């Protein structure tokens, strides 16, 4: 089956040759093919080559260039640094105060930042692989976008001393997330998911989540669903105390970090959302042996492959820079062996035959 055929058949409840599997290796993969990450950020040709070679070498189901956590905020005016061998990071946020949000313009995907480069890379990929692959991408959600448009200390302090300012910034961030997603969807016809590392309990209390994030997550999902039908989310870190709020926001899928038990998530919410995850990216994919990878894949499949609304095998977060070919091969080999004969809501035949 082609990836496109596999994903369509699985979504329809049919048995497929292998459990849907993604690698989440976009901006961290260029060194695997001799490219500097810094060069990848600014070249649609390099993006195309890396995605093409990942597909040829490992055969995962996903294809597409992610906006990552910072492409949108950079397009809006936040200044980034691009190290030669690492991923980008914020050096100067767009706003110095909440007052500067008033009158700020919304993003233009056709001219701002690196967004035109990313769109061009998709157009090249779709020209070549459109018949056999399904495309998608992701971007930072409202909270993570807001947190990179202003100094983190100002943002967090504002949750206590300037709540109106925080809400104003959150609305601006939400409007930009939705507009960026809508315009890219209109241009390319692809779906976009949300990534929210700042929404975990490691960074945001449950009270802050409810007050400053929940309304904007619900709004973003509702508005994005109007043009793309469904919207999934990934949150890095611990999220157990807010699973009900995440699922209740209207998301269609939840990609959960490896710090949480995906089996428990399945038992509680597998009837409501599809699940993705959650092989440990650092301890296993980067630092473990191929056998460690195989065991982790087997563990994830045993816990979640029979989730009622569907399951996608994936690392718990982005595949780290420096992950070996051997471990990526082991990941995909285990997906084929243990995830063979997969159907939504059922354990794959590969698992059943293990006994």
C-alpha atoms as a PDB file:
ATOM      1  CA  UNK A   1       0.000   0.000   0.000  1.00  0.00           C
ATOM      2  CA  UNK A   2       1.122   3.558  -0.595  1.00  0.00           C
ATOM      3  CA  UNK A   3       1.078   5.860   2.453  1.00  0.00           C
ATOM      4  CA  UNK A   4      -1.947   7.626   0.967  1.00  0.00           C
ATOM      5  CA  UNK A   5      -3.820   4.350   0.515  1.00  0.00           C
ATOM      6  CA  UNK A   6      -2.815   3.144   3.996  1.00  0.00           C
ATOM      7  CA  UNK A   7      -4.010   6.248   5.821  1.00  0.00           C
ATOM      8  CA  UNK A   8      -7.287   6.427   3.894  1.00  0.00           C
ATOM      9  CA  UNK A   9      -8.087   2.735   4.458  1.00  0.00           C
ATOM     10  CA  UNK A  10      -7.179   2.890   8.154  1.00  0.00           C
ATOM     11  CA  UNK A  11      -9.364   5.960   8.670  1.00  0.00           C
ATOM     12  CA  UNK A  12     -12.232   4.082   7.004  1.00  0.00           C
ATOM     13  CA  UNK A  13     -11.882   1.188   9.453  1.00  0.00           C
ATOM     14  CA  UNK A  14     -10.296  -1.241   7.010  1.00  0.00           C
ATOM     15  CA  UNK A  15      -7.355  -3.511   7.743  1.00  0.00           C
ATOM     16  CA  UNK A  16      -4.040  -2.147   6.450  1.00  0.00           C
ATOM     17  CA  UNK A  17      -0.614  -3.673   5.955  1.00  0.00           C
ATOM     18  CA  UNK A  18       1.036  -1.692   8.771  1.00  0.00           C
ATOM     19  CA  UNK A  19      -0.009   0.600  11.611  1.00  0.00           C
ATOM     20  CA  UNK A  20       0.189   4.286  10.571  1.00  0.00           C
ATOM     21  CA  UNK A  21       3.659   5.492  11.539  1.00  0.00           C
ATOM     22  CA  UNK A  22       5.352   8.898  11.552  1.00  0.00           C
ATOM     23  CA  UNK A  23       8.872  10.015  12.410  1.00  0.00           C
ATOM     24  CA  UNK A  24       8.566  13.739  13.271  1.00  0.00           C
ATOM     25  CA  UNK A  25      12.065  14.396  11.991  1.00  0.00           C
ATOM     26  CA  UNK A  26      11.736  17.592   9.934  1.00  0.00           C
ATOM     27  CA  UNK A  27      14.164  20.296  11.065  1.00  0.00           C
ATOM     28  CA  UNK A  28      16.336  17.799  12.969  1.00  0.00           C
ATOM     29  CA  UNK A  29      16.956  15.486   9.980  1.00  0.00           C
ATOM     30  CA  UNK A  30      19.202  17.572   7.649  1.00  0.00           C
ATOM     31  CA  UNK A  31      22.501  16.406   9.271  1.00  0.00           C
ATOM     32  CA  UNK A  32      21.534  12.844   8.392  1.00  0.00           C
ATOM     33  CA  UNK A  33      22.027  13.847   4.754  1.00  0.00           C
ATOM     34  CA  UNK A  34      25.019  16.129   5.105  1.00  0.00           C
ATOM     35  CA  UNK A  35      23.169  19.432   5.386  1.00  0.00           C
ATOM     36  CA  UNK A  36      23.514  22.111   8.025  1.00  0.00           C
ATOM     37  CA  UNK A  37      20.243  22.780   9.809  1.00  0.00           C
ATOM     38  CA  UNK A  38      20.775  26.504   9.255  1.00  0.00           C
ATOM     39  CA  UNK A  39      20.875  25.974   5.487  1.00  0.00           C
ATOM     40  CA  UNK A  40      17.749  23.805   5.586  1.00  0.00           C
ATOM     41  CA  UNK A  41      15.731  26.644   7.085  1.00  0.00           C
ATOM     42  CA  UNK A  42      16.290  28.864   4.037  1.00  0.00           C
ATOM     43  CA  UNK A  43      16.175  26.455   1.092  1.00  0.00           C
ATOM     44  CA  UNK A  44      13.076  24.798  -0.336  1.00  0.00           C
ATOM     45  CA  UNK A  45      15.400  22.601  -2.426  1.00  0.00           C
ATOM     46  CA  UNK A  46      17.095  21.227   0.710  1.00  0.00           C
ATOM     47  CA  UNK A  47      13.715  20.755   2.392  1.00  0.00           C
ATOM     48  CA  UNK A  48      12.528  18.817  -0.655  1.00  0.00           C
ATOM     49  CA  UNK A  49      15.664  16.663  -0.740  1.00  0.00           C
ATOM     50  CA  UNK A  50      15.549  15.826   2.981  1.00  0.00           C
ATOM     51  CA  UNK A  51      11.858  14.877   2.881  1.00  0.00           C
ATOM     52  CA  UNK A  52      12.392  12.805  -0.274  1.00  0.00           C
ATOM     53  CA  UNK A  53      15.300  10.905   1.216  1.00  0.00           C
ATOM     54  CA  UNK A  54      13.540  10.319   4.536  1.00  0.00           C
ATOM     55  CA  UNK A  55      10.639   8.826   2.599  1.00  0.00           C
ATOM     56  CA  UNK A  56      12.922   6.637   0.474  1.00  0.00           C
ATOM     57  CA  UNK A  57      15.102   5.478   3.356  1.00  0.00           C
ATOM     58  CA  UNK A  58      12.527   4.822   6.077  1.00  0.00           C
ATOM     59  CA  UNK A  59       9.080   4.821   4.477  1.00  0.00           C
ATOM     60  CA  UNK A  60       7.130   6.511   7.274  1.00  0.00           C
ATOM     61  CA  UNK A  61       3.668   7.761   6.366  1.00  0.00           C
ATOM     62  CA  UNK A  62       4.126  11.465   7.031  1.00  0.00           C
ATOM     63  CA  UNK A  63       5.486  13.952   4.511  1.00  0.00           C
ATOM     64  CA  UNK A  64       5.665  17.693   4.856  1.00  0.00           C
ATOM     65  CA  UNK A  65       7.793  20.539   6.174  1.00  0.00           C
ATOM     66  CA  UNK A  66       6.717  21.673   9.617  1.00  0.00           C
ATOM     67  CA  UNK A  67       6.446  25.336  10.530  1.00  0.00           C
ATOM     68  CA  UNK A  68       7.875  24.298  13.861  1.00  0.00           C
ATOM     69  CA  UNK A  69       7.467  26.433  16.954  1.00  0.00           C
ATOM     70  CA  UNK A  70       8.982  29.621  15.586  1.00  0.00           C
ATOM     71  CA  UNK A  71       8.212  30.156  11.886  1.00  0.00           C
ATOM     72  CA  UNK A  72       5.013  32.063  12.681  1.00  0.00           C
ATOM     73  CA  UNK A  73       6.484  34.330  15.358  1.00  0.00           C
ATOM     74  CA  UNK A  74       9.456  35.096  13.129  1.00  0.00           C
ATOM     75  CA  UNK A  75       7.073  36.022  10.333  1.00  0.00           C
ATOM     76  CA  UNK A  76       5.365  38.392  12.768  1.00  0.00           C
ATOM     77  CA  UNK A  77       8.607  40.110  13.774  1.00  0.00           C
ATOM     78  CA  UNK A  78      10.285  38.087  16.526  1.00  0.00           C
ATOM     79  CA  UNK A  79      14.016  37.826  15.773  1.00  0.00           C
ATOM     80  CA  UNK A  80      15.581  34.367  15.730  1.00  0.00           C
ATOM     81  CA  UNK A  81      19.114  33.056  15.799  1.00  0.00           C
ATOM     82  CA  UNK A  82      20.035  30.203  13.453  1.00  0.00           C
ATOM     83  CA  UNK A  83      23.020  28.220  14.768  1.00  0.00           C
ATOM     84  CA  UNK A  84      24.953  26.166  12.259  1.00  0.00           C
ATOM     85  CA  UNK A  85      24.245  22.799  13.845  1.00  0.00           C
ATOM     86  CA  UNK A  86      21.214  23.325  16.062  1.00  0.00           C
ATOM     87  CA  UNK A  87      17.606  24.436  15.784  1.00  0.00           C
ATOM     88  CA  UNK A  88      16.592  28.101  15.807  1.00  0.00           C
ATOM     89  CA  UNK A  89      15.836  30.021  18.994  1.00  0.00           C
ATOM     90  CA  UNK A  90      14.385  33.398  19.964  1.00  0.00           C
ATOM     91  CA  UNK A  91      16.774  36.264  20.618  1.00  0.00           C
ATOM     92  CA  UNK A  92      14.402  39.251  20.528  1.00  0.00           C
ATOM     93  CA  UNK A  93      10.600  39.007  20.816  1.00  0.00           C
ATOM     94  CA  UNK A  94       8.405  41.252  18.691  1.00  0.00           C
ATOM     95  CA  UNK A  95       6.780  43.085  21.607  1.00  0.00           C
ATOM     96  CA  UNK A  96       8.336  44.708  24.664  1.00  0.00           C
ATOM     97  CA  UNK A  97       4.981  45.395  26.323  1.00  0.00           C
ATOM     98  CA  UNK A  98       1.357  44.362  25.990  1.00  0.00           C
ATOM     99  CA  UNK A  99       0.494  47.890  24.863  1.00  0.00           C
ATOM    100  CA  UNK A 100       2.362  47.288  21.594  1.00  0.00           C
ATOM    101  CA  UNK A 101      -0.140  44.613  20.595  1.00  0.00           C
ATOM    102  CA  UNK A 102      -2.736  47.243  19.736  1.00  0.00           C
ATOM    103  CA  UNK A 103      -2.897  47.720  15.968  1.00  0.00           C
ATOM    104  CA  UNK A 104      -0.323  45.013  15.169  1.00  0.00           C
ATOM    105  CA  UNK A 105      -0.822  43.494  11.718  1.00  0.00           C
ATOM    106  CA  UNK A 106      -1.691  39.881  11.068  1.00  0.00           C
ATOM    107  CA  UNK A 107       0.615  37.499   9.227  1.00  0.00           C
ATOM    108  CA  UNK A 108       0.851  37.343   5.435  1.00  0.00           C
ATOM    109  CA  UNK A 109       1.939  33.835   4.428  1.00  0.00           C
ATOM    110  CA  UNK A 110       2.906  35.003   0.939  1.00  0.00           C
ATOM    111  CA  UNK A 111       5.597  37.417   2.072  1.00  0.00           C
ATOM    112  CA  UNK A 112       6.453  37.179   5.776  1.00  0.00           C
ATOM    113  CA  UNK A 113       9.492  35.375   7.161  1.00  0.00           C
ATOM    114  CA  UNK A 114      10.258  31.878   5.920  1.00  0.00           C
ATOM    115  CA  UNK A 115       6.621  31.007   5.215  1.00  0.00           C
ATOM    116  CA  UNK A 116       6.983  31.464   1.429  1.00  0.00           C
ATOM    117  CA  UNK A 117       9.962  29.063   1.470  1.00  0.00           C
ATOM    118  CA  UNK A 118       7.962  26.450   3.343  1.00  0.00           C
ATOM    119  CA  UNK A 119       5.013  26.812   0.974  1.00  0.00           C
ATOM    120  CA  UNK A 120       7.355  26.468  -2.009  1.00  0.00           C
ATOM    121  CA  UNK A 121       8.809  23.269  -0.540  1.00  0.00           C
ATOM    122  CA  UNK A 122       5.316  21.806  -0.252  1.00  0.00           C
ATOM    123  CA  UNK A 123       4.525  22.676  -3.841  1.00  0.00           C
ATOM    124  CA  UNK A 124       7.649  20.827  -4.976  1.00  0.00           C
ATOM    125  CA  UNK A 125       6.861  17.798  -2.827  1.00  0.00           C
ATOM    126  CA  UNK A 126       3.248  17.656  -3.970  1.00  0.00           C
ATOM    127  CA  UNK A 127       4.263  17.814  -7.623  1.00  0.00           C
ATOM    128  CA  UNK A 128       6.326  14.647  -7.186  1.00  0.00           C
ATOM    129  CA  UNK A 129       4.537  12.703  -4.438  1.00  0.00           C
ATOM    130  CA  UNK A 130       0.955  13.943  -4.617  1.00  0.00           C
ATOM    131  CA  UNK A 131      -0.390  10.666  -5.997  1.00  0.00           C
ATOM    132  CA  UNK A 132       1.073   8.452  -3.281  1.00  0.00           C
ATOM    133  CA  UNK A 133       1.349  10.565  -0.136  1.00  0.00           C
ATOM    134  CA  UNK A 134      -0.855  12.619   2.162  1.00  0.00           C
ATOM    135  CA  UNK A 135       0.636  15.918   3.295  1.00  0.00           C
ATOM    136  CA  UNK A 136       0.320  17.871   6.491  1.00  0.00           C
ATOM    137  CA  UNK A 137       2.164  20.248   8.769  1.00  0.00           C
ATOM    138  CA  UNK A 138       1.991  21.816  12.202  1.00  0.00           C
ATOM    139  CA  UNK A 139       2.547  25.149  13.883  1.00  0.00           C
ATOM    140  CA  UNK A 140       2.794  26.552  17.371  1.00  0.00           C
ATOM    141  CA  UNK A 141      -0.582  27.012  19.020  1.00  0.00           C
ATOM    142  CA  UNK A 142      -1.860  30.230  20.602  1.00  0.00           C
ATOM    143  CA  UNK A 143      -0.032  29.899  23.930  1.00  0.00           C
ATOM    144  CA  UNK A 144       3.389  28.997  22.536  1.00  0.00           C
ATOM    145  CA  UNK A 145       3.005  31.677  19.861  1.00  0.00           C
ATOM    146  CA  UNK A 146       2.106  34.317  22.454  1.00  0.00           C
ATOM    147  CA  UNK A 147       4.993  33.239  24.669  1.00  0.00           C
ATOM    148  CA  UNK A 148       7.482  33.944  21.885  1.00  0.00           C
ATOM    149  CA  UNK A 149       6.048  37.322  20.890  1.00  0.00           C
ATOM    150  CA  UNK A 150       6.963  38.916  24.216  1.00  0.00           C
ATOM    151  CA  UNK A 151       9.620  38.321  26.863  1.00  0.00           C
ATOM    152  CA  UNK A 152       8.765  35.206  28.884  1.00  0.00           C
ATOM    153  CA  UNK A 153       9.137  37.006  32.201  1.00  0.00           C
ATOM    154  CA  UNK A 154       6.790  39.793  31.063  1.00  0.00           C
ATOM    155  CA  UNK A 155       4.284  37.202  29.824  1.00  0.00           C
ATOM    156  CA  UNK A 156       4.258  35.159  33.030  1.00  0.00           C
ATOM    157  CA  UNK A 157       4.258  38.217  35.287  1.00  0.00           C
ATOM    158  CA  UNK A 158       1.332  39.567  33.293  1.00  0.00           C
ATOM    159  CA  UNK A 159      -0.750  36.544  34.322  1.00  0.00           C
ATOM    160  CA  UNK A 160      -0.711  38.053  37.811  1.00  0.00           C
ATOM    161  CA  UNK A 161      -0.392  41.814  37.266  1.00  0.00           C
ATOM    162  CA  UNK A 162      -1.808  42.481  33.783  1.00  0.00           C
ATOM    163  CA  UNK A 163      -4.381  39.854  32.937  1.00  0.00           C
ATOM    164  CA  UNK A 164      -6.087  42.072  30.358  1.00  0.00           C
ATOM    165  CA  UNK A 165      -2.734  42.466  28.598  1.00  0.00           C
ATOM    166  CA  UNK A 166      -2.206  38.710  28.520  1.00  0.00           C
ATOM    167  CA  UNK A 167      -5.688  38.130  27.104  1.00  0.00           C
ATOM    168  CA  UNK A 168      -5.072  40.789  24.452  1.00  0.00           C
ATOM    169  CA  UNK A 169      -1.844  39.070  23.405  1.00  0.00           C
ATOM    170  CA  UNK A 170      -3.503  35.644  23.465  1.00  0.00           C
ATOM    171  CA  UNK A 171      -6.246  36.865  21.143  1.00  0.00           C
ATOM    172  CA  UNK A 172      -3.678  38.353  18.776  1.00  0.00           C
ATOM    173  CA  UNK A 173      -1.734  35.067  18.802  1.00  0.00           C
ATOM    174  CA  UNK A 174      -4.916  33.055  18.206  1.00  0.00           C
ATOM    175  CA  UNK A 175      -5.944  35.250  15.288  1.00  0.00           C
ATOM    176  CA  UNK A 176      -2.524  34.751  13.700  1.00  0.00           C
ATOM    177  CA  UNK A 177      -2.462  30.986  14.253  1.00  0.00           C
ATOM    178  CA  UNK A 178      -5.877  30.655  12.622  1.00  0.00           C
ATOM    179  CA  UNK A 179      -5.076  33.022   9.751  1.00  0.00           C
ATOM    180  CA  UNK A 180      -1.767  31.309   9.030  1.00  0.00           C
ATOM    181  CA  UNK A 181      -3.418  27.882   9.080  1.00  0.00           C
ATOM    182  CA  UNK A 182      -6.360  29.036   6.967  1.00  0.00           C
ATOM    183  CA  UNK A 183      -4.192  30.691   4.331  1.00  0.00           C
ATOM    184  CA  UNK A 184      -1.825  27.712   4.058  1.00  0.00           C
ATOM    185  CA  UNK A 185      -4.769  25.334   3.876  1.00  0.00           C
ATOM    186  CA  UNK A 186      -6.347  27.459   1.142  1.00  0.00           C
ATOM    187  CA  UNK A 187      -3.070  27.557  -0.769  1.00  0.00           C
ATOM    188  CA  UNK A 188      -2.067  23.893  -0.422  1.00  0.00           C
ATOM    189  CA  UNK A 189      -5.175  21.994   0.682  1.00  0.00           C
ATOM    190  CA  UNK A 190      -3.414  20.444   3.680  1.00  0.00           C
ATOM    191  CA  UNK A 191      -4.349  20.099   7.343  1.00  0.00           C
ATOM    192  CA  UNK A 192      -2.387  21.670  10.182  1.00  0.00           C
ATOM    193  CA  UNK A 193      -2.022  20.521  13.775  1.00  0.00           C
ATOM    194  CA  UNK A 194      -1.158  22.571  16.861  1.00  0.00           C
ATOM    195  CA  UNK A 195       1.971  22.192  19.001  1.00  0.00           C
ATOM    196  CA  UNK A 196       1.930  23.581  22.530  1.00  0.00           C
ATOM    197  CA  UNK A 197       5.004  22.858  24.668  1.00  0.00           C
ATOM    198  CA  UNK A 198       4.132  25.778  26.932  1.00  0.00           C
ATOM    199  CA  UNK A 199       0.761  24.217  27.855  1.00  0.00           C
ATOM    200  CA  UNK A 200       2.168  21.371  29.984  1.00  0.00           C
ATOM    201  CA  UNK A 201       1.959  21.280  33.770  1.00  0.00           C
ATOM    202  CA  UNK A 202       5.744  21.635  33.797  1.00  0.00           C
ATOM    203  CA  UNK A 203       5.314  25.271  32.720  1.00  0.00           C
ATOM    204  CA  UNK A 204       1.702  26.265  33.332  1.00  0.00           C
ATOM    205  CA  UNK A 205      -0.436  25.591  36.392  1.00  0.00           C
ATOM    206  CA  UNK A 206      -3.883  24.122  35.936  1.00  0.00           C
ATOM    207  CA  UNK A 207      -5.425  27.400  37.078  1.00  0.00           C
ATOM    208  CA  UNK A 208      -3.407  29.342  34.501  1.00  0.00           C
ATOM    209  CA  UNK A 209      -4.300  26.771  31.834  1.00  0.00           C
ATOM    210  CA  UNK A 210      -8.000  27.248  32.491  1.00  0.00           C
ATOM    211  CA  UNK A 211      -7.853  31.037  32.666  1.00  0.00           C
ATOM    212  CA  UNK A 212      -5.344  31.984  29.989  1.00  0.00           C
ATOM    213  CA  UNK A 213      -5.215  29.086  27.557  1.00  0.00           C
ATOM    214  CA  UNK A 214      -8.393  27.009  27.487  1.00  0.00           C
ATOM    215  CA  UNK A 215     -10.624  29.699  25.879  1.00  0.00           C
ATOM    216  CA  UNK A 216      -8.108  30.316  23.099  1.00  0.00           C
ATOM    217  CA  UNK A 217      -7.447  26.637  22.440  1.00  0.00           C
ATOM    218  CA  UNK A 218     -11.181  26.064  22.084  1.00  0.00           C
ATOM    219  CA  UNK A 219     -11.500  29.096  19.825  1.00  0.00           C
ATOM    220  CA  UNK A 220      -8.549  28.108  17.633  1.00  0.00           C
ATOM    221  CA  UNK A 221      -9.815  24.536  17.225  1.00  0.00           C
ATOM    222  CA  UNK A 222     -13.347  25.679  16.427  1.00  0.00           C
ATOM    223  CA  UNK A 223     -12.172  28.198  13.834  1.00  0.00           C
ATOM    224  CA  UNK A 224      -9.667  25.794  12.246  1.00  0.00           C
ATOM    225  CA  UNK A 225     -12.248  23.033  12.061  1.00  0.00           C
ATOM    226  CA  UNK A 226     -14.403  25.330   9.946  1.00  0.00           C
ATOM    227  CA  UNK A 227     -11.978  25.063   7.029  1.00  0.00           C
ATOM    228  CA  UNK A 228     -10.071  21.805   7.616  1.00  0.00           C
ATOM    229  CA  UNK A 229     -12.643  19.633   9.340  1.00  0.00           C
ATOM    230  CA  UNK A 230     -10.540  18.434  12.285  1.00  0.00           C
ATOM    231  CA  UNK A 231      -7.546  19.602  14.290  1.00  0.00           C
ATOM    232  CA  UNK A 232      -5.097  17.606  16.405  1.00  0.00           C
ATOM    233  CA  UNK A 233      -2.683  18.779  19.096  1.00  0.00           C
ATOM    234  CA  UNK A 234       0.720  17.882  20.521  1.00  0.00           C
ATOM    235  CA  UNK A 235       1.755  19.001  23.999  1.00  0.00           C
ATOM    236  CA  UNK A 236       5.259  18.278  25.249  1.00  0.00           C
ATOM    237  CA  UNK A 237       5.762  17.347  28.882  1.00  0.00           C
ATOM    238  CA  UNK A 238       3.324  16.352  31.599  1.00  0.00           C
ATOM    239  CA  UNK A 239      -0.372  16.822  30.805  1.00  0.00           C
ATOM    240  CA  UNK A 240      -2.236  14.245  32.925  1.00  0.00           C
ATOM    241  CA  UNK A 241      -4.038  16.835  35.085  1.00  0.00           C
ATOM    242  CA  UNK A 242      -5.505  18.568  31.997  1.00  0.00           C
ATOM    243  CA  UNK A 243      -6.354  15.715  29.660  1.00  0.00           C
ATOM    244  CA  UNK A 244     -10.057  16.356  30.126  1.00  0.00           C
ATOM    245  CA  UNK A 245      -9.636  20.011  29.124  1.00  0.00           C
ATOM    246  CA  UNK A 246      -7.508  19.182  26.081  1.00  0.00           C
ATOM    247  CA  UNK A 247      -9.932  16.539  24.843  1.00  0.00           C
ATOM    248  CA  UNK A 248     -12.894  18.772  25.688  1.00  0.00           C
ATOM    249  CA  UNK A 249     -11.515  21.560  23.497  1.00  0.00           C
ATOM    250  CA  UNK A 250     -12.771  19.747  20.403  1.00  0.00           C
ATOM    251  CA  UNK A 251      -9.464  18.376  19.097  1.00  0.00           C
ATOM    252  CA  UNK A 252      -9.709  15.251  16.974  1.00  0.00           C
ATOM    253  CA  UNK A 253      -6.340  13.802  17.966  1.00  0.00           C
ATOM    254  CA  UNK A 254      -3.862  13.999  20.856  1.00  0.00           C
ATOM    255  CA  UNK A 255      -0.147  13.353  20.338  1.00  0.00           C
ATOM    256  CA  UNK A 256       1.024  12.738  23.889  1.00  0.00           C
ATOM    257  CA  UNK A 257       4.558  13.060  25.255  1.00  0.00           C
ATOM    258  CA  UNK A 258       6.403   9.955  26.412  1.00  0.00           C
ATOM    259  CA  UNK A 259       6.364  11.346  29.963  1.00  0.00           C
ATOM    260  CA  UNK A 260       2.735  10.227  30.156  1.00  0.00           C
ATOM    261  CA  UNK A 261       1.158   6.772  29.944  1.00  0.00           C
ATOM    262  CA  UNK A 262      -0.507   6.459  26.541  1.00  0.00           C
ATOM    263  CA  UNK A 263      -2.289   3.331  27.756  1.00  0.00           C
ATOM    264  CA  UNK A 264      -4.045   5.297  30.478  1.00  0.00           C
ATOM    265  CA  UNK A 265      -4.918   8.017  27.975  1.00  0.00           C
ATOM    266  CA  UNK A 266      -6.459   5.359  25.732  1.00  0.00           C
ATOM    267  CA  UNK A 267      -8.559   3.946  28.558  1.00  0.00           C
ATOM    268  CA  UNK A 268      -9.879   7.372  29.541  1.00  0.00           C
ATOM    269  CA  UNK A 269     -10.256   9.161  26.200  1.00  0.00           C
ATOM    270  CA  UNK A 270      -9.650   6.695  23.370  1.00  0.00           C
ATOM    271  CA  UNK A 271     -13.363   6.783  22.544  1.00  0.00           C
ATOM    272  CA  UNK A 272     -13.166  10.546  21.924  1.00  0.00           C
ATOM    273  CA  UNK A 273      -9.855  11.257  20.155  1.00  0.00           C
ATOM    274  CA  UNK A 274      -7.279   9.443  18.055  1.00  0.00           C
ATOM    275  CA  UNK A 275      -3.915   8.942  19.764  1.00  0.00           C
ATOM    276  CA  UNK A 276      -0.332   9.433  18.605  1.00  0.00           C
ATOM    277  CA  UNK A 277       2.931   8.579  20.363  1.00  0.00           C
ATOM    278  CA  UNK A 278       4.972   7.951  22.277  1.00  0.00           C
ATOM    279  CA  UNK A 279       8.373   6.244  21.957  1.00  0.00           C
ATOM    280  CA  UNK A 280      10.903   8.173  24.116  1.00  0.00           C
ATOM    281  CA  UNK A 281      12.864  10.343  21.685  1.00  0.00           C
ATOM    282  CA  UNK A 282      15.990  10.965  23.769  1.00  0.00           C
ATOM    283  CA  UNK A 283      16.387   8.006  26.133  1.00  0.00           C
ATOM    284  CA  UNK A 284      15.472   5.471  23.418  1.00  0.00           C
ATOM    285  CA  UNK A 285      15.705   6.860  19.859  1.00  0.00           C
ATOM    286  CA  UNK A 286      18.823   8.957  20.435  1.00  0.00           C
ATOM    287  CA  UNK A 287      20.642   7.184  23.259  1.00  0.00           C
ATOM    288  CA  UNK A 288      19.273   3.637  23.119  1.00  0.00           C
ATOM    289  CA  UNK A 289      20.203   0.610  21.044  1.00  0.00           C
ATOM    290  CA  UNK A 290      18.158  -0.743  18.125  1.00  0.00           C
ATOM    291  CA  UNK A 291      16.837  -3.404  20.496  1.00  0.00           C
ATOM    292  CA  UNK A 292      15.755  -0.683  22.942  1.00  0.00           C
ATOM    293  CA  UNK A 293      13.875   0.961  20.092  1.00  0.00           C
ATOM    294  CA  UNK A 294      12.133  -2.279  19.157  1.00  0.00           C
ATOM    295  CA  UNK A 295      11.059  -2.873  22.762  1.00  0.00           C
ATOM    296  CA  UNK A 296       9.711   0.679  23.084  1.00  0.00           C
ATOM    297  CA  UNK A 297       7.714   0.349  19.856  1.00  0.00           C
ATOM    298  CA  UNK A 298       6.300  -2.962  21.064  1.00  0.00           C
ATOM    299  CA  UNK A 299       5.329  -1.387  24.385  1.00  0.00           C
ATOM    300  CA  UNK A 300       3.525   1.514  22.702  1.00  0.00           C
ATOM    301  CA  UNK A 301       1.651  -0.780  20.346  1.00  0.00           C
ATOM    302  CA  UNK A 302       0.553  -3.064  23.177  1.00  0.00           C
ATOM    303  CA  UNK A 303      -0.769  -0.080  25.100  1.00  0.00           C
ATOM    304  CA  UNK A 304      -2.467   1.912  22.370  1.00  0.00           C
ATOM    305  CA  UNK A 305      -2.680   0.215  18.963  1.00  0.00           C
ATOM    306  CA  UNK A 306      -6.287  -0.840  19.636  1.00  0.00           C
ATOM    307  CA  UNK A 307      -7.455   2.650  20.566  1.00  0.00           C
ATOM    308  CA  UNK A 308     -11.075   2.977  19.344  1.00  0.00           C
ATOM    309  CA  UNK A 309     -10.605   6.218  17.398  1.00  0.00           C
ATOM    310  CA  UNK A 310      -7.288   5.127  15.907  1.00  0.00           C
ATOM    311  CA  UNK A 311      -3.599   5.203  16.738  1.00  0.00           C
ATOM    312  CA  UNK A 312      -0.446   6.452  15.022  1.00  0.00           C
ATOM    313  CA  UNK A 313       2.963   5.191  16.130  1.00  0.00           C
ATOM    314  CA  UNK A 314       5.349   8.107  16.617  1.00  0.00           C
ATOM    315  CA  UNK A 315       8.101   9.366  18.924  1.00  0.00           C
ATOM    316  CA  UNK A 316       6.879  11.172  22.040  1.00  0.00           C
ATOM    317  CA  UNK A 317       8.234  14.413  20.619  1.00  0.00           C
ATOM    318  CA  UNK A 318      10.535  15.553  17.808  1.00  0.00           C
ATOM    319  CA  UNK A 319      13.178  13.029  16.752  1.00  0.00           C
ATOM    320  CA  UNK A 320      16.424  14.466  18.177  1.00  0.00           C
ATOM    321  CA  UNK A 321      19.364  15.712  16.145  1.00  0.00           C
ATOM    322  CA  UNK A 322      21.925  12.935  15.931  1.00  0.00           C
ATOM    323  CA  UNK A 323      19.503  10.004  15.992  1.00  0.00           C
ATOM    324  CA  UNK A 324      21.207   7.168  14.121  1.00  0.00           C
ATOM    325  CA  UNK A 325      20.028   5.510  10.934  1.00  0.00           C
ATOM    326  CA  UNK A 326      20.189   2.202  12.755  1.00  0.00           C
ATOM    327  CA  UNK A 327      17.661   3.338  15.337  1.00  0.00           C
ATOM    328  CA  UNK A 328      15.353   4.861  12.747  1.00  0.00           C
ATOM    329  CA  UNK A 329      15.522   1.603  10.799  1.00  0.00           C
ATOM    330  CA  UNK A 330      14.747  -0.322  14.001  1.00  0.00           C
ATOM    331  CA  UNK A 331      11.753   1.941  14.634  1.00  0.00           C
ATOM    332  CA  UNK A 332      10.282   1.290  11.198  1.00  0.00           C
ATOM    333  CA  UNK A 333      11.193  -2.415  11.191  1.00  0.00           C
ATOM    334  CA  UNK A 334       9.370  -2.867  14.509  1.00  0.00           C
ATOM    335  CA  UNK A 335       6.371  -0.967  13.138  1.00  0.00           C
ATOM    336  CA  UNK A 336       6.205  -3.405  10.227  1.00  0.00           C
ATOM    337  CA  UNK A 337       6.713  -6.506  12.384  1.00  0.00           C
ATOM    338  CA  UNK A 338       4.488  -5.743  15.371  1.00  0.00           C
ATOM    339  CA  UNK A 339       2.086  -3.370  13.609  1.00  0.00           C
ATOM    340  CA  UNK A 340       1.356  -5.664  10.671  1.00  0.00           C
ATOM    341  CA  UNK A 341      -2.306  -6.112   9.808  1.00  0.00           C
ATOM    342  CA  UNK A 342      -3.617  -3.071  11.676  1.00  0.00           C
ATOM    343  CA  UNK A 343      -7.233  -1.988  11.979  1.00  0.00           C
ATOM    344  CA  UNK A 344      -8.672   0.877  13.990  1.00  0.00           C
ATOM    345  CA  UNK A 345      -9.805  -0.346  17.407  1.00  0.00           C
ATOM    346  CA  UNK A 346      -8.012  -3.703  17.152  1.00  0.00           C
ATOM    347  CA  UNK A 347      -4.590  -5.015  18.066  1.00  0.00           C
ATOM    348  CA  UNK A 348      -2.532  -5.578  14.885  1.00  0.00           C
ATOM    349  CA  UNK A 349      -2.095  -9.136  13.663  1.00  0.00           C
ATOM    350  CA  UNK A 350       1.632  -8.808  14.294  1.00  0.00           C
ATOM    351  CA  UNK A 351       0.927  -8.370  17.994  1.00  0.00           C
ATOM    352  CA  UNK A 352      -1.753 -11.013  18.174  1.00  0.00           C
ATOM    353  CA  UNK A 353       0.615 -13.603  16.758  1.00  0.00           C
ATOM    354  CA  UNK A 354       3.159 -12.892  19.502  1.00  0.00           C
ATOM    355  CA  UNK A 355       0.716 -14.363  21.988  1.00  0.00           C
END
